[in-house]
Amino acid sequence: MNAHDILGGIPALLPAEISESLVTASHIRIERIVSRGQCSPPGFWYQQEENEWVMVVKGEAELRVENVDGGDRTIRLTEGMYVDIPADVRHRVDWTSPDTDTVWLAVFY
């Protein structure tokens, strides 16, 4: 067993978002995601079969979440904030800070 630093090992240049699996078990997956200005491509929405609990550990971001009754809303996340996204709810990352790393902790269950 070794200790790890969720804020460590981030490259100085980050041309693409990094997604790393930290823990994988039968009904849970925990990932570290690092963004620096990256966001979802225009028109792209995530729609997953799993629930996703996601927290911004460092940095800031804006998520767009589709409402069940139509339309969508923006959720701004700063350090320490989290959301629990139910399975099949369409969502996308509209913005992450281009000036600092946004480190996400994502739990898929």
PDB file of N, CA and C in Angstrom:
ATOM      1  N   MET A   1       0.852  -1.170   0.000  1.00  0.00           N
ATOM      2  CA  MET A   1       0.000   0.000   0.000  1.00  0.00           C
ATOM      3  C   MET A   1       0.900   1.236   0.000  1.00  0.00           C
ATOM      4  N   ASN A   2       0.608   2.173  -0.912  1.00  0.00           N
ATOM      5  CA  ASN A   2       1.353   3.416  -1.026  1.00  0.00           C
ATOM      6  C   ASN A   2       0.404   4.596  -0.961  1.00  0.00           C
ATOM      7  N   ALA A   3       0.896   5.715  -0.467  1.00  0.00           N
ATOM      8  CA  ALA A   3       0.121   6.957  -0.468  1.00  0.00           C
ATOM      9  C   ALA A   3       0.343   7.665  -1.795  1.00  0.00           C
ATOM     10  N   HIS A   4      -0.686   8.341  -2.272  1.00  0.00           N
ATOM     11  CA  HIS A   4      -0.609   9.075  -3.531  1.00  0.00           C
ATOM     12  C   HIS A   4      -1.145  10.484  -3.319  1.00  0.00           C
ATOM     13  N   ASP A   5      -0.748  11.399  -4.195  1.00  0.00           N
ATOM     14  CA  ASP A   5      -1.159  12.796  -4.119  1.00  0.00           C
ATOM     15  C   ASP A   5      -2.055  13.108  -5.311  1.00  0.00           C
ATOM     16  N   ILE A   6      -3.320  13.397  -5.059  1.00  0.00           N
ATOM     17  CA  ILE A   6      -4.262  13.674  -6.151  1.00  0.00           C
ATOM     18  C   ILE A   6      -3.880  14.942  -6.923  1.00  0.00           C
ATOM     19  N   LEU A   7      -3.108  15.830  -6.291  1.00  0.00           N
ATOM     20  CA  LEU A   7      -2.689  17.063  -6.950  1.00  0.00           C
ATOM     21  C   LEU A   7      -1.290  16.957  -7.546  1.00  0.00           C
ATOM     22  N   GLY A   8      -0.646  15.815  -7.396  1.00  0.00           N
ATOM     23  CA  GLY A   8       0.724  15.644  -7.879  1.00  0.00           C
ATOM     24  C   GLY A   8       0.787  15.013  -9.252  1.00  0.00           C
ATOM     25  N   GLY A   9       1.956  15.117  -9.872  1.00  0.00           N
ATOM     26  CA  GLY A   9       2.199  14.450 -11.146  1.00  0.00           C
ATOM     27  C   GLY A   9       1.464  15.028 -12.328  1.00  0.00           C
ATOM     28  N   ILE A  10       1.085  16.288 -12.251  1.00  0.00           N
ATOM     29  CA  ILE A  10       0.380  16.931 -13.375  1.00  0.00           C
ATOM     30  C   ILE A  10       1.430  17.573 -14.277  1.00  0.00           C
ATOM     31  N   PRO A  11       1.433  17.225 -15.572  1.00  0.00           N
ATOM     32  CA  PRO A  11       2.446  17.785 -16.475  1.00  0.00           C
ATOM     33  C   PRO A  11       2.322  19.298 -16.637  1.00  0.00           C
ATOM     34  N   ALA A  12       3.462  19.943 -16.897  1.00  0.00           N
ATOM     35  CA  ALA A  12       3.470  21.395 -17.110  1.00  0.00           C
ATOM     36  C   ALA A  12       2.666  21.765 -18.349  1.00  0.00           C
ATOM     37  N   LEU A  13       2.786  20.971 -19.402  1.00  0.00           N
ATOM     38  CA  LEU A  13       1.996  21.183 -20.615  1.00  0.00           C
ATOM     39  C   LEU A  13       0.850  20.182 -20.609  1.00  0.00           C
ATOM     40  N   LEU A  14      -0.348  20.667 -20.853  1.00  0.00           N
ATOM     41  CA  LEU A  14      -1.525  19.806 -20.823  1.00  0.00           C
ATOM     42  C   LEU A  14      -2.368  20.070 -22.079  1.00  0.00           C
ATOM     43  N   PRO A  15      -1.910  19.554 -23.248  1.00  0.00           N
ATOM     44  CA  PRO A  15      -2.656  19.818 -24.481  1.00  0.00           C
ATOM     45  C   PRO A  15      -4.007  19.113 -24.540  1.00  0.00           C
ATOM     46  N   ALA A  16      -4.177  18.077 -23.727  1.00  0.00           N
ATOM     47  CA  ALA A  16      -5.457  17.358 -23.681  1.00  0.00           C
ATOM     48  C   ALA A  16      -5.761  17.019 -22.229  1.00  0.00           C
ATOM     49  N   GLU A  17      -7.043  16.877 -21.944  1.00  0.00           N
ATOM     50  CA  GLU A  17      -7.473  16.499 -20.601  1.00  0.00           C
ATOM     51  C   GLU A  17      -6.893  15.129 -20.239  1.00  0.00           C
ATOM     52  N   ILE A  18      -6.557  14.952 -18.955  1.00  0.00           N
ATOM     53  CA  ILE A  18      -6.046  13.673 -18.457  1.00  0.00           C
ATOM     54  C   ILE A  18      -7.135  13.009 -17.630  1.00  0.00           C
ATOM     55  N   SER A  19      -7.348  11.731 -17.856  1.00  0.00           N
ATOM     56  CA  SER A  19      -8.284  10.947 -17.055  1.00  0.00           C
ATOM     57  C   SER A  19      -7.560   9.685 -16.607  1.00  0.00           C
ATOM     58  N   GLU A  20      -7.481   9.493 -15.284  1.00  0.00           N
ATOM     59  CA  GLU A  20      -6.759   8.354 -14.732  1.00  0.00           C
ATOM     60  C   GLU A  20      -7.639   7.596 -13.764  1.00  0.00           C
ATOM     61  N   SER A  21      -7.658   6.291 -13.908  1.00  0.00           N
ATOM     62  CA  SER A  21      -8.410   5.447 -12.992  1.00  0.00           C
ATOM     63  C   SER A  21      -7.604   5.273 -11.707  1.00  0.00           C
ATOM     64  N   LEU A  22      -8.214   5.585 -10.567  1.00  0.00           N
ATOM     65  CA  LEU A  22      -7.557   5.430  -9.273  1.00  0.00           C
ATOM     66  C   LEU A  22      -7.959   4.126  -8.591  1.00  0.00           C
ATOM     67  N   VAL A  23      -9.235   3.779  -8.708  1.00  0.00           N
ATOM     68  CA  VAL A  23      -9.775   2.560  -8.105  1.00  0.00           C
ATOM     69  C   VAL A  23     -10.839   1.999  -9.039  1.00  0.00           C
ATOM     70  N   THR A  24     -10.791   0.699  -9.240  1.00  0.00           N
ATOM     71  CA  THR A  24     -11.829   0.027 -10.017  1.00  0.00           C
ATOM     72  C   THR A  24     -12.240  -1.232  -9.269  1.00  0.00           C
ATOM     73  N   ALA A  25     -13.537  -1.393  -9.070  1.00  0.00           N
ATOM     74  CA  ALA A  25     -14.092  -2.592  -8.439  1.00  0.00           C
ATOM     75  C   ALA A  25     -15.362  -2.948  -9.197  1.00  0.00           C
ATOM     76  N   SER A  26     -16.063  -3.973  -8.744  1.00  0.00           N
ATOM     77  CA  SER A  26     -17.203  -4.475  -9.503  1.00  0.00           C
ATOM     78  C   SER A  26     -18.287  -3.428  -9.781  1.00  0.00           C
ATOM     79  N   HIS A  27     -18.601  -2.565  -8.824  1.00  0.00           N
ATOM     80  CA  HIS A  27     -19.688  -1.606  -9.032  1.00  0.00           C
ATOM     81  C   HIS A  27     -19.273  -0.159  -8.760  1.00  0.00           C
ATOM     82  N   ILE A  28     -17.972   0.101  -8.815  1.00  0.00           N
ATOM     83  CA  ILE A  28     -17.502   1.466  -8.571  1.00  0.00           C
ATOM     84  C   ILE A  28     -16.202   1.711  -9.331  1.00  0.00           C
ATOM     85  N   ARG A  29     -16.063   2.925  -9.811  1.00  0.00           N
ATOM     86  CA  ARG A  29     -14.833   3.355 -10.467  1.00  0.00           C
ATOM     87  C   ARG A  29     -14.551   4.780  -9.991  1.00  0.00           C
ATOM     88  N   ILE A  30     -13.328   5.026  -9.565  1.00  0.00           N
ATOM     89  CA  ILE A  30     -12.934   6.360  -9.108  1.00  0.00           C
ATOM     90  C   ILE A  30     -11.830   6.854 -10.031  1.00  0.00           C
ATOM     91  N   GLU A  31     -12.015   8.063 -10.561  1.00  0.00           N
ATOM     92  CA  GLU A  31     -11.052   8.628 -11.503  1.00  0.00           C
ATOM     93  C   GLU A  31     -10.600  10.006 -11.056  1.00  0.00           C
ATOM     94  N   ARG A  32      -9.374  10.329 -11.428  1.00  0.00           N
ATOM     95  CA  ARG A  32      -8.885  11.710 -11.338  1.00  0.00           C
ATOM     96  C   ARG A  32      -8.884  12.240 -12.756  1.00  0.00           C
ATOM     97  N   ILE A  33      -9.487  13.401 -12.932  1.00  0.00           N
ATOM     98  CA  ILE A  33      -9.516  14.061 -14.237  1.00  0.00           C
ATOM     99  C   ILE A  33      -8.863  15.425 -14.055  1.00  0.00           C
ATOM    100  N   VAL A  34      -7.976  15.784 -14.967  1.00  0.00           N
ATOM    101  CA  VAL A  34      -7.301  17.081 -14.902  1.00  0.00           C
ATOM    102  C   VAL A  34      -7.581  17.827 -16.195  1.00  0.00           C
ATOM    103  N   SER A  35      -8.129  19.029 -16.065  1.00  0.00           N
ATOM    104  CA  SER A  35      -8.440  19.893 -17.209  1.00  0.00           C
ATOM    105  C   SER A  35      -7.695  21.209 -17.043  1.00  0.00           C
ATOM    106  N   ARG A  36      -7.323  21.805 -18.144  1.00  0.00           N
ATOM    107  CA  ARG A  36      -6.753  23.159 -18.135  1.00  0.00           C
ATOM    108  C   ARG A  36      -7.286  23.871 -19.365  1.00  0.00           C
ATOM    109  N   GLY A  37      -8.541  24.326 -19.243  1.00  0.00           N
ATOM    110  CA  GLY A  37      -9.180  25.011 -20.362  1.00  0.00           C
ATOM    111  C   GLY A  37      -9.955  24.082 -21.282  1.00  0.00           C
ATOM    112  N   GLN A  38      -9.821  22.771 -21.082  1.00  0.00           N
ATOM    113  CA  GLN A  38     -10.559  21.845 -21.943  1.00  0.00           C
ATOM    114  C   GLN A  38     -12.035  21.819 -21.544  1.00  0.00           C
ATOM    115  N   CYS A  39     -12.879  21.548 -22.532  1.00  0.00           N
ATOM    116  CA  CYS A  39     -14.313  21.416 -22.288  1.00  0.00           C
ATOM    117  C   CYS A  39     -14.880  20.452 -23.330  1.00  0.00           C
ATOM    118  N   SER A  40     -16.150  20.161 -23.210  1.00  0.00           N
ATOM    119  CA  SER A  40     -16.793  19.248 -24.157  1.00  0.00           C
ATOM    120  C   SER A  40     -16.872  19.904 -25.530  1.00  0.00           C
ATOM    121  N   PRO A  41     -16.694  19.120 -26.593  1.00  0.00           N
ATOM    122  CA  PRO A  41     -16.823  19.679 -27.943  1.00  0.00           C
ATOM    123  C   PRO A  41     -18.240  20.211 -28.183  1.00  0.00           C
ATOM    124  N   PRO A  42     -18.390  21.183 -29.074  1.00  0.00           N
ATOM    125  CA  PRO A  42     -19.723  21.713 -29.378  1.00  0.00           C
ATOM    126  C   PRO A  42     -20.687  20.590 -29.756  1.00  0.00           C
ATOM    127  N   GLY A  43     -21.870  20.617 -29.153  1.00  0.00           N
ATOM    128  CA  GLY A  43     -22.905  19.634 -29.455  1.00  0.00           C
ATOM    129  C   GLY A  43     -22.746  18.287 -28.764  1.00  0.00           C
ATOM    130  N   PHE A  44     -21.626  18.060 -28.066  1.00  0.00           N
ATOM    131  CA  PHE A  44     -21.394  16.775 -27.406  1.00  0.00           C
ATOM    132  C   PHE A  44     -21.976  16.776 -25.999  1.00  0.00           C
ATOM    133  N   TRP A  45     -22.687  15.718 -25.657  1.00  0.00           N
ATOM    134  CA  TRP A  45     -23.237  15.534 -24.314  1.00  0.00           C
ATOM    135  C   TRP A  45     -22.843  14.152 -23.796  1.00  0.00           C
ATOM    136  N   TYR A  46     -22.433  14.081 -22.531  1.00  0.00           N
ATOM    137  CA  TYR A  46     -22.268  12.788 -21.870  1.00  0.00           C
ATOM    138  C   TYR A  46     -23.654  12.281 -21.492  1.00  0.00           C
ATOM    139  N   GLN A  47     -23.874  10.993 -21.649  1.00  0.00           N
ATOM    140  CA  GLN A  47     -25.104  10.356 -21.180  1.00  0.00           C
ATOM    141  C   GLN A  47     -24.709   8.933 -20.812  1.00  0.00           C
ATOM    142  N   GLN A  48     -24.453   8.722 -19.545  1.00  0.00           N
ATOM    143  CA  GLN A  48     -23.830   7.498 -19.063  1.00  0.00           C
ATOM    144  C   GLN A  48     -24.834   6.559 -18.421  1.00  0.00           C
ATOM    145  N   GLU A  49     -24.503   5.288 -18.426  1.00  0.00           N
ATOM    146  CA  GLU A  49     -25.341   4.272 -17.784  1.00  0.00           C
ATOM    147  C   GLU A  49     -25.130   4.240 -16.279  1.00  0.00           C
ATOM    148  N   GLU A  50     -24.077   4.903 -15.794  1.00  0.00           N
ATOM    149  CA  GLU A  50     -23.749   4.912 -14.370  1.00  0.00           C
ATOM    150  C   GLU A  50     -24.106   6.264 -13.757  1.00  0.00           C
ATOM    151  N   ASN A  51     -24.352   6.279 -12.453  1.00  0.00           N
ATOM    152  CA  ASN A  51     -24.406   7.530 -11.716  1.00  0.00           C
ATOM    153  C   ASN A  51     -22.981   8.064 -11.632  1.00  0.00           C
ATOM    154  N   GLU A  52     -22.852   9.383 -11.554  1.00  0.00           N
ATOM    155  CA  GLU A  52     -21.524   9.985 -11.425  1.00  0.00           C
ATOM    156  C   GLU A  52     -21.558  11.067 -10.350  1.00  0.00           C
ATOM    157  N   TRP A  53     -20.782  10.847  -9.303  1.00  0.00           N
ATOM    158  CA  TRP A  53     -20.557  11.858  -8.270  1.00  0.00           C
ATOM    159  C   TRP A  53     -19.233  12.500  -8.628  1.00  0.00           C
ATOM    160  N   VAL A  54     -19.232  13.824  -8.815  1.00  0.00           N
ATOM    161  CA  VAL A  54     -17.998  14.495  -9.240  1.00  0.00           C
ATOM    162  C   VAL A  54     -17.769  15.743  -8.395  1.00  0.00           C
ATOM    163  N   MET A  55     -16.503  15.919  -7.997  1.00  0.00           N
ATOM    164  CA  MET A  55     -16.109  17.042  -7.136  1.00  0.00           C
ATOM    165  C   MET A  55     -14.916  17.760  -7.762  1.00  0.00           C
ATOM    166  N   VAL A  56     -14.929  19.080  -7.673  1.00  0.00           N
ATOM    167  CA  VAL A  56     -13.767  19.861  -8.080  1.00  0.00           C
ATOM    168  C   VAL A  56     -12.870  19.997  -6.846  1.00  0.00           C
ATOM    169  N   VAL A  57     -11.715  19.356  -6.904  1.00  0.00           N
ATOM    170  CA  VAL A  57     -10.757  19.400  -5.804  1.00  0.00           C
ATOM    171  C   VAL A  57      -9.961  20.698  -5.864  1.00  0.00           C
ATOM    172  N   LYS A  58      -9.618  21.105  -7.087  1.00  0.00           N
ATOM    173  CA  LYS A  58      -8.836  22.326  -7.311  1.00  0.00           C
ATOM    174  C   LYS A  58      -9.323  22.950  -8.604  1.00  0.00           C
ATOM    175  N   GLY A  59      -9.345  24.282  -8.674  1.00  0.00           N
ATOM    176  CA  GLY A  59      -9.739  24.982  -9.894  1.00  0.00           C
ATOM    177  C   GLY A  59     -11.219  25.316  -9.908  1.00  0.00           C
ATOM    178  N   GLU A  60     -11.762  25.482 -11.110  1.00  0.00           N
ATOM    179  CA  GLU A  60     -13.183  25.774 -11.250  1.00  0.00           C
ATOM    180  C   GLU A  60     -13.665  25.359 -12.634  1.00  0.00           C
ATOM    181  N   ALA A  61     -14.977  25.125 -12.706  1.00  0.00           N
ATOM    182  CA  ALA A  61     -15.564  24.625 -13.954  1.00  0.00           C
ATOM    183  C   ALA A  61     -17.036  24.989 -14.017  1.00  0.00           C
ATOM    184  N   GLU A  62     -17.593  24.871 -15.211  1.00  0.00           N
ATOM    185  CA  GLU A  62     -19.034  25.023 -15.411  1.00  0.00           C
ATOM    186  C   GLU A  62     -19.559  23.797 -16.134  1.00  0.00           C
ATOM    187  N   LEU A  63     -20.557  23.166 -15.521  1.00  0.00           N
ATOM    188  CA  LEU A  63     -21.251  22.029 -16.116  1.00  0.00           C
ATOM    189  C   LEU A  63     -22.592  22.505 -16.645  1.00  0.00           C
ATOM    190  N   ARG A  64     -23.027  21.937 -17.745  1.00  0.00           N
ATOM    191  CA  ARG A  64     -24.381  22.165 -18.231  1.00  0.00           C
ATOM    192  C   ARG A  64     -25.105  20.832 -18.084  1.00  0.00           C
ATOM    193  N   VAL A  65     -26.251  20.863 -17.424  1.00  0.00           N
ATOM    194  CA  VAL A  65     -27.023  19.654 -17.143  1.00  0.00           C
ATOM    195  C   VAL A  65     -28.407  19.823 -17.748  1.00  0.00           C
ATOM    196  N   GLU A  66     -28.839  18.800 -18.476  1.00  0.00           N
ATOM    197  CA  GLU A  66     -30.166  18.846 -19.087  1.00  0.00           C
ATOM    198  C   GLU A  66     -31.221  18.522 -18.037  1.00  0.00           C
ATOM    199  N   ASN A  67     -32.247  19.348 -17.963  1.00  0.00           N
ATOM    200  CA  ASN A  67     -33.350  19.126 -17.035  1.00  0.00           C
ATOM    201  C   ASN A  67     -34.254  18.006 -17.536  1.00  0.00           C
ATOM    202  N   VAL A  68     -34.855  17.284 -16.626  1.00  0.00           N
ATOM    203  CA  VAL A  68     -35.765  16.195 -16.985  1.00  0.00           C
ATOM    204  C   VAL A  68     -36.953  16.724 -17.780  1.00  0.00           C
ATOM    205  N   ASP A  69     -37.439  17.913 -17.424  1.00  0.00           N
ATOM    206  CA  ASP A  69     -38.617  18.481 -18.081  1.00  0.00           C
ATOM    207  C   ASP A  69     -38.272  19.358 -19.282  1.00  0.00           C
ATOM    208  N   GLY A  70     -37.045  19.251 -19.791  1.00  0.00           N
ATOM    209  CA  GLY A  70     -36.617  20.036 -20.945  1.00  0.00           C
ATOM    210  C   GLY A  70     -35.729  21.194 -20.538  1.00  0.00           C
ATOM    211  N   GLY A  71     -35.006  21.729 -21.478  1.00  0.00           N
ATOM    212  CA  GLY A  71     -34.086  22.812 -21.204  1.00  0.00           C
ATOM    213  C   GLY A  71     -32.856  22.300 -20.471  1.00  0.00           C
ATOM    214  N   ASP A  72     -32.010  23.229 -20.058  1.00  0.00           N
ATOM    215  CA  ASP A  72     -30.817  22.856 -19.317  1.00  0.00           C
ATOM    216  C   ASP A  72     -30.428  23.987 -18.384  1.00  0.00           C
ATOM    217  N   ARG A  73     -29.486  23.705 -17.519  1.00  0.00           N
ATOM    218  CA  ARG A  73     -29.011  24.729 -16.590  1.00  0.00           C
ATOM    219  C   ARG A  73     -27.516  24.595 -16.407  1.00  0.00           C
ATOM    220  N   THR A  74     -26.884  25.682 -16.042  1.00  0.00           N
ATOM    221  CA  THR A  74     -25.446  25.705 -15.809  1.00  0.00           C
ATOM    222  C   THR A  74     -25.185  25.639 -14.315  1.00  0.00           C
ATOM    223  N   ILE A  75     -24.231  24.809 -13.950  1.00  0.00           N
ATOM    224  CA  ILE A  75     -23.805  24.693 -12.560  1.00  0.00           C
ATOM    225  C   ILE A  75     -22.334  25.082 -12.500  1.00  0.00           C
ATOM    226  N   ARG A  76     -22.038  26.122 -11.748  1.00  0.00           N
ATOM    227  CA  ARG A  76     -20.640  26.553 -11.575  1.00  0.00           C
ATOM    228  C   ARG A  76     -20.079  25.854 -10.348  1.00  0.00           C
ATOM    229  N   LEU A  77     -18.939  25.212 -10.520  1.00  0.00           N
ATOM    230  CA  LEU A  77     -18.288  24.488  -9.436  1.00  0.00           C
ATOM    231  C   LEU A  77     -16.943  25.129  -9.132  1.00  0.00           C
ATOM    232  N   THR A  78     -16.709  25.408  -7.864  1.00  0.00           N
ATOM    233  CA  THR A  78     -15.413  25.878  -7.399  1.00  0.00           C
ATOM    234  C   THR A  78     -14.864  24.828  -6.431  1.00  0.00           C
ATOM    235  N   GLU A  79     -13.663  25.059  -5.949  1.00  0.00           N
ATOM    236  CA  GLU A  79     -12.984  24.079  -5.107  1.00  0.00           C
ATOM    237  C   GLU A  79     -13.866  23.602  -3.956  1.00  0.00           C
ATOM    238  N   GLY A  80     -13.964  22.283  -3.837  1.00  0.00           N
ATOM    239  CA  GLY A  80     -14.731  21.670  -2.763  1.00  0.00           C
ATOM    240  C   GLY A  80     -16.182  21.394  -3.098  1.00  0.00           C
ATOM    241  N   MET A  81     -16.672  21.919  -4.222  1.00  0.00           N
ATOM    242  CA  MET A  81     -18.074  21.704  -4.597  1.00  0.00           C
ATOM    243  C   MET A  81     -18.214  20.403  -5.381  1.00  0.00           C
ATOM    244  N   TYR A  82     -19.383  19.767  -5.228  1.00  0.00           N
ATOM    245  CA  TYR A  82     -19.635  18.518  -5.942  1.00  0.00           C
ATOM    246  C   TYR A  82     -21.078  18.433  -6.381  1.00  0.00           C
ATOM    247  N   VAL A  83     -21.309  17.552  -7.354  1.00  0.00           N
ATOM    248  CA  VAL A  83     -22.658  17.246  -7.819  1.00  0.00           C
ATOM    249  C   VAL A  83     -22.772  15.730  -7.976  1.00  0.00           C
ATOM    250  N   ASP A  84     -23.991  15.238  -7.861  1.00  0.00           N
ATOM    251  CA  ASP A  84     -24.286  13.831  -8.076  1.00  0.00           C
ATOM    252  C   ASP A  84     -25.195  13.757  -9.295  1.00  0.00           C
ATOM    253  N   ILE A  85     -24.671  13.239 -10.380  1.00  0.00           N
ATOM    254  CA  ILE A  85     -25.401  13.210 -11.647  1.00  0.00           C
ATOM    255  C   ILE A  85     -25.998  11.816 -11.832  1.00  0.00           C
ATOM    256  N   PRO A  86     -27.324  11.712 -11.842  1.00  0.00           N
ATOM    257  CA  PRO A  86     -27.945  10.395 -12.031  1.00  0.00           C
ATOM    258  C   PRO A  86     -27.633   9.807 -13.405  1.00  0.00           C
ATOM    259  N   ALA A  87     -27.678   8.490 -13.481  1.00  0.00           N
ATOM    260  CA  ALA A  87     -27.489   7.796 -14.754  1.00  0.00           C
ATOM    261  C   ALA A  87     -28.471   8.337 -15.789  1.00  0.00           C
ATOM    262  N   ASP A  88     -28.035   8.384 -17.025  1.00  0.00           N
ATOM    263  CA  ASP A  88     -28.828   8.796 -18.185  1.00  0.00           C
ATOM    264  C   ASP A  88     -29.131  10.292 -18.267  1.00  0.00           C
ATOM    265  N   VAL A  89     -28.680  11.094 -17.303  1.00  0.00           N
ATOM    266  CA  VAL A  89     -28.883  12.538 -17.393  1.00  0.00           C
ATOM    267  C   VAL A  89     -27.791  13.121 -18.297  1.00  0.00           C
ATOM    268  N   ARG A  90     -28.228  13.796 -19.338  1.00  0.00           N
ATOM    269  CA  ARG A  90     -27.263  14.396 -20.264  1.00  0.00           C
ATOM    270  C   ARG A  90     -26.584  15.596 -19.598  1.00  0.00           C
ATOM    271  N   HIS A  91     -25.253  15.641 -19.766  1.00  0.00           N
ATOM    272  CA  HIS A  91     -24.471  16.740 -19.188  1.00  0.00           C
ATOM    273  C   HIS A  91     -23.205  16.948 -20.010  1.00  0.00           C
ATOM    274  N   ARG A  92     -22.628  18.120 -19.843  1.00  0.00           N
ATOM    275  CA  ARG A  92     -21.407  18.461 -20.575  1.00  0.00           C
ATOM    276  C   ARG A  92     -20.593  19.451 -19.768  1.00  0.00           C
ATOM    277  N   VAL A  93     -19.321  19.540 -20.059  1.00  0.00           N
ATOM    278  CA  VAL A  93     -18.444  20.530 -19.436  1.00  0.00           C
ATOM    279  C   VAL A  93     -18.385  21.717 -20.387  1.00  0.00           C
ATOM    280  N   ASP A  94     -18.928  22.843 -19.960  1.00  0.00           N
ATOM    281  CA  ASP A  94     -18.927  24.046 -20.806  1.00  0.00           C
ATOM    282  C   ASP A  94     -17.639  24.848 -20.683  1.00  0.00           C
ATOM    283  N   TRP A  95     -16.973  24.761 -19.511  1.00  0.00           N
ATOM    284  CA  TRP A  95     -15.805  25.623 -19.290  1.00  0.00           C
ATOM    285  C   TRP A  95     -14.975  25.084 -18.138  1.00  0.00           C
ATOM    286  N   THR A  96     -13.663  25.129 -18.282  1.00  0.00           N
ATOM    287  CA  THR A  96     -12.732  24.966 -17.163  1.00  0.00           C
ATOM    288  C   THR A  96     -11.720  26.091 -17.253  1.00  0.00           C
ATOM    289  N   SER A  97     -11.181  26.474 -16.142  1.00  0.00           N
ATOM    290  CA  SER A  97     -10.245  27.587 -16.103  1.00  0.00           C
ATOM    291  C   SER A  97      -9.039  27.321 -17.002  1.00  0.00           C
ATOM    292  N   PRO A  98      -8.712  28.245 -17.895  1.00  0.00           N
ATOM    293  CA  PRO A  98      -7.540  28.059 -18.754  1.00  0.00           C
ATOM    294  C   PRO A  98      -6.238  28.420 -18.048  1.00  0.00           C
ATOM    295  N   ASP A  99      -6.345  29.073 -16.896  1.00  0.00           N
ATOM    296  CA  ASP A  99      -5.163  29.600 -16.208  1.00  0.00           C
ATOM    297  C   ASP A  99      -4.650  28.716 -15.082  1.00  0.00           C
ATOM    298  N   THR A 100      -5.412  27.705 -14.708  1.00  0.00           N
ATOM    299  CA  THR A 100      -5.001  26.823 -13.619  1.00  0.00           C
ATOM    300  C   THR A 100      -5.559  25.428 -13.876  1.00  0.00           C
ATOM    301  N   ASP A 101      -4.977  24.458 -13.229  1.00  0.00           N
ATOM    302  CA  ASP A 101      -5.486  23.099 -13.358  1.00  0.00           C
ATOM    303  C   ASP A 101      -6.824  22.989 -12.642  1.00  0.00           C
ATOM    304  N   THR A 102      -7.773  22.324 -13.283  1.00  0.00           N
ATOM    305  CA  THR A 102      -8.994  21.921 -12.605  1.00  0.00           C
ATOM    306  C   THR A 102      -8.858  20.423 -12.380  1.00  0.00           C
ATOM    307  N   VAL A 103      -8.798  20.042 -11.107  1.00  0.00           N
ATOM    308  CA  VAL A 103      -8.638  18.633 -10.747  1.00  0.00           C
ATOM    309  C   VAL A 103      -9.980  18.139 -10.237  1.00  0.00           C
ATOM    310  N   TRP A 104     -10.519  17.144 -10.911  1.00  0.00           N
ATOM    311  CA  TRP A 104     -11.808  16.548 -10.594  1.00  0.00           C
ATOM    312  C   TRP A 104     -11.571  15.196  -9.922  1.00  0.00           C
ATOM    313  N   LEU A 105     -12.433  14.857  -8.983  1.00  0.00           N
ATOM    314  CA  LEU A 105     -12.512  13.504  -8.443  1.00  0.00           C
ATOM    315  C   LEU A 105     -13.868  12.989  -8.853  1.00  0.00           C
ATOM    316  N   ALA A 106     -13.898  11.936  -9.664  1.00  0.00           N
ATOM    317  CA  ALA A 106     -15.157  11.418 -10.192  1.00  0.00           C
ATOM    318  C   ALA A 106     -15.349   9.986  -9.705  1.00  0.00           C
ATOM    319  N   VAL A 107     -16.545   9.731  -9.160  1.00  0.00           N
ATOM    320  CA  VAL A 107     -16.899   8.400  -8.675  1.00  0.00           C
ATOM    321  C   VAL A 107     -18.083   7.924  -9.512  1.00  0.00           C
ATOM    322  N   PHE A 108     -17.875   6.849 -10.248  1.00  0.00           N
ATOM    323  CA  PHE A 108     -18.924   6.257 -11.070  1.00  0.00           C
ATOM    324  C   PHE A 108     -19.453   5.030 -10.324  1.00  0.00           C
ATOM    325  N   TYR A 109     -20.778   4.980 -10.151  1.00  0.00           N
ATOM    326  CA  TYR A 109     -21.336   3.864  -9.384  1.00  0.00           C
ATOM    327  C   TYR A 109     -22.691   3.430  -9.931  1.00  0.00           C
TER     328      TYR A 109
END
